[in-house]
Amino acid sequence: MIGMDFTSFIILLIISVIVSAILHYGLNYYVTPGFDSFLSKVVIGWVGAWLGSPILGHWWEGLNYKEVYYIPAILGSLALLILAVDLVKTCGSASRSAAR
């Protein structure tokens, strides 16, 4: 996945935008509201989608483009986004309670 072509990059970007939009705007799952927060989710979601196929495996041979398997990419994007938001919320609440 290191030397991916442009089409693979765009597929991962589309997956990341869709998963991020569902979490951010559909479910209101964010640390801070706003477009900047959404864009940061897109970047983190792209990394999760990129890591999805190598880590989670190659599922359903027909649902792929070269080395990009769609289901593991979606799950990887979702997992990393949830982890990142939860981590920031947890560390943010711990630092606020320590400051009191």
C-alpha atoms as a PDB file:
ATOM      1  CA  MET A   1       0.000   0.000   0.000  1.00  0.00           C
ATOM      2  CA  ILE A   2       2.994   2.343   0.163  1.00  0.00           C
ATOM      3  CA  GLY A   3       3.235   2.835  -3.603  1.00  0.00           C
ATOM      4  CA  MET A   4      -0.470   3.203  -4.315  1.00  0.00           C
ATOM      5  CA  ASP A   5      -1.854   4.746  -7.455  1.00  0.00           C
ATOM      6  CA  PHE A   6      -4.020   7.855  -7.571  1.00  0.00           C
ATOM      7  CA  THR A   7      -7.266   5.899  -7.902  1.00  0.00           C
ATOM      8  CA  SER A   8      -6.539   4.009  -4.669  1.00  0.00           C
ATOM      9  CA  PHE A   9      -5.834   7.326  -2.931  1.00  0.00           C
ATOM     10  CA  ILE A  10      -9.149   8.755  -4.142  1.00  0.00           C
ATOM     11  CA  ILE A  11     -11.088   5.629  -3.058  1.00  0.00           C
ATOM     12  CA  LEU A  12      -9.608   5.865   0.438  1.00  0.00           C
ATOM     13  CA  LEU A  13     -10.372   9.600   0.496  1.00  0.00           C
ATOM     14  CA  ILE A  14     -14.005   9.012  -0.491  1.00  0.00           C
ATOM     15  CA  ILE A  15     -14.377   6.330   2.193  1.00  0.00           C
ATOM     16  CA  SER A  16     -12.865   8.690   4.750  1.00  0.00           C
ATOM     17  CA  VAL A  17     -15.111  11.609   3.783  1.00  0.00           C
ATOM     18  CA  ILE A  18     -18.263   9.471   3.966  1.00  0.00           C
ATOM     19  CA  VAL A  19     -17.398   7.868   7.318  1.00  0.00           C
ATOM     20  CA  SER A  20     -16.302  11.223   8.757  1.00  0.00           C
ATOM     21  CA  ALA A  21     -19.461  12.970   7.543  1.00  0.00           C
ATOM     22  CA  ILE A  22     -21.681  10.295   9.069  1.00  0.00           C
ATOM     23  CA  LEU A  23     -19.897  10.533  12.421  1.00  0.00           C
ATOM     24  CA  HIS A  24     -19.527  14.315  12.473  1.00  0.00           C
ATOM     25  CA  TYR A  25     -22.757  15.586  10.944  1.00  0.00           C
ATOM     26  CA  GLY A  26     -25.065  12.581  11.162  1.00  0.00           C
ATOM     27  CA  LEU A  27     -24.301  11.372  14.682  1.00  0.00           C
ATOM     28  CA  ASN A  28     -22.784  14.606  16.113  1.00  0.00           C
ATOM     29  CA  TYR A  29     -19.785  12.581  17.288  1.00  0.00           C
ATOM     30  CA  TYR A  30     -17.004  15.148  17.662  1.00  0.00           C
ATOM     31  CA  VAL A  31     -14.849  16.977  20.157  1.00  0.00           C
ATOM     32  CA  THR A  32     -15.575  20.419  18.751  1.00  0.00           C
ATOM     33  CA  PRO A  33     -18.197  21.340  16.170  1.00  0.00           C
ATOM     34  CA  GLY A  34     -17.215  22.967  12.922  1.00  0.00           C
ATOM     35  CA  PHE A  35     -15.672  22.350   9.557  1.00  0.00           C
ATOM     36  CA  ASP A  36     -12.088  22.285  10.889  1.00  0.00           C
ATOM     37  CA  SER A  37     -12.972  19.355  13.119  1.00  0.00           C
ATOM     38  CA  PHE A  38     -14.536  17.588  10.136  1.00  0.00           C
ATOM     39  CA  LEU A  39     -11.382  18.087   8.043  1.00  0.00           C
ATOM     40  CA  SER A  40      -9.193  16.663  10.786  1.00  0.00           C
ATOM     41  CA  LYS A  41     -11.506  13.644  10.886  1.00  0.00           C
ATOM     42  CA  VAL A  42     -11.067  13.192   7.135  1.00  0.00           C
ATOM     43  CA  VAL A  43      -7.271  13.027   7.549  1.00  0.00           C
ATOM     44  CA  ILE A  44      -7.447  10.606  10.473  1.00  0.00           C
ATOM     45  CA  GLY A  45     -10.100   8.556   8.695  1.00  0.00           C
ATOM     46  CA  TRP A  46      -7.916   8.294   5.587  1.00  0.00           C
ATOM     47  CA  VAL A  47      -5.073   6.856   7.669  1.00  0.00           C
ATOM     48  CA  GLY A  48      -7.501   4.376   9.233  1.00  0.00           C
ATOM     49  CA  ALA A  49      -8.819   3.368   5.807  1.00  0.00           C
ATOM     50  CA  TRP A  50      -5.263   3.004   4.520  1.00  0.00           C
ATOM     51  CA  LEU A  51      -4.394   0.710   7.430  1.00  0.00           C
ATOM     52  CA  GLY A  52      -7.679  -1.212   7.200  1.00  0.00           C
ATOM     53  CA  SER A  53      -6.771  -3.763   4.533  1.00  0.00           C
ATOM     54  CA  PRO A  54      -3.251  -4.593   5.770  1.00  0.00           C
ATOM     55  CA  ILE A  55      -4.367  -4.949   9.396  1.00  0.00           C
ATOM     56  CA  LEU A  56      -7.891  -6.366   9.132  1.00  0.00           C
ATOM     57  CA  GLY A  57      -7.230  -8.524   6.085  1.00  0.00           C
ATOM     58  CA  HIS A  58      -8.569  -8.967   2.594  1.00  0.00           C
ATOM     59  CA  TRP A  59     -12.296  -9.624   2.771  1.00  0.00           C
ATOM     60  CA  TRP A  60     -14.576 -10.390  -0.155  1.00  0.00           C
ATOM     61  CA  GLU A  61     -12.383 -10.661  -3.200  1.00  0.00           C
ATOM     62  CA  GLY A  62     -14.945  -8.966  -5.470  1.00  0.00           C
ATOM     63  CA  LEU A  63     -15.201  -5.817  -3.316  1.00  0.00           C
ATOM     64  CA  ASN A  64     -11.787  -4.382  -3.938  1.00  0.00           C
ATOM     65  CA  TYR A  65      -9.706  -2.225  -6.209  1.00  0.00           C
ATOM     66  CA  LYS A  66      -6.169  -3.625  -6.381  1.00  0.00           C
ATOM     67  CA  GLU A  67      -5.023  -3.655  -2.728  1.00  0.00           C
ATOM     68  CA  VAL A  68      -7.895  -1.527  -1.375  1.00  0.00           C
ATOM     69  CA  TYR A  69     -10.552  -3.784   0.115  1.00  0.00           C
ATOM     70  CA  TYR A  70     -13.635  -1.707   0.828  1.00  0.00           C
ATOM     71  CA  ILE A  71     -15.046  -3.354   3.979  1.00  0.00           C
ATOM     72  CA  PRO A  72     -11.738  -3.423   5.921  1.00  0.00           C
ATOM     73  CA  ALA A  73     -11.061   0.156   4.780  1.00  0.00           C
ATOM     74  CA  ILE A  74     -14.440   1.329   6.090  1.00  0.00           C
ATOM     75  CA  LEU A  75     -13.948  -0.513   9.391  1.00  0.00           C
ATOM     76  CA  GLY A  76     -10.389   0.805   9.744  1.00  0.00           C
ATOM     77  CA  SER A  77     -11.521   4.371   9.119  1.00  0.00           C
ATOM     78  CA  LEU A  78     -14.369   4.029  11.594  1.00  0.00           C
ATOM     79  CA  ALA A  79     -12.177   2.420  14.251  1.00  0.00           C
ATOM     80  CA  LEU A  80      -9.425   5.040  14.080  1.00  0.00           C
ATOM     81  CA  LEU A  81     -11.919   7.916  14.109  1.00  0.00           C
ATOM     82  CA  ILE A  82     -13.732   6.561  17.168  1.00  0.00           C
ATOM     83  CA  LEU A  83     -10.412   5.925  18.898  1.00  0.00           C
ATOM     84  CA  ALA A  84      -9.146   9.436  18.147  1.00  0.00           C
ATOM     85  CA  VAL A  85     -12.321  11.199  19.331  1.00  0.00           C
ATOM     86  CA  ASP A  86     -12.532   9.086  22.484  1.00  0.00           C
ATOM     87  CA  LEU A  87      -8.862   9.661  23.240  1.00  0.00           C
ATOM     88  CA  VAL A  88      -9.165  13.429  22.889  1.00  0.00           C
ATOM     89  CA  LYS A  89     -12.349  13.509  24.955  1.00  0.00           C
ATOM     90  CA  THR A  90     -10.755  11.387  27.680  1.00  0.00           C
ATOM     91  CA  CYS A  91      -7.499  13.339  27.813  1.00  0.00           C
ATOM     92  CA  GLY A  92      -9.379  16.631  27.633  1.00  0.00           C
ATOM     93  CA  SER A  93     -11.655  15.780  30.539  1.00  0.00           C
ATOM     94  CA  ALA A  94      -8.696  14.503  32.585  1.00  0.00           C
ATOM     95  CA  SER A  95      -6.744  17.724  32.054  1.00  0.00           C
ATOM     96  CA  ARG A  96      -9.796  19.861  32.903  1.00  0.00           C
ATOM     97  CA  SER A  97     -10.387  17.973  36.144  1.00  0.00           C
ATOM     98  CA  ALA A  98      -6.684  18.214  37.065  1.00  0.00           C
ATOM     99  CA  ALA A  99      -6.734  21.984  36.554  1.00  0.00           C
ATOM    100  CA  ARG A 100      -9.540  22.432  39.093  1.00  0.00           C
END
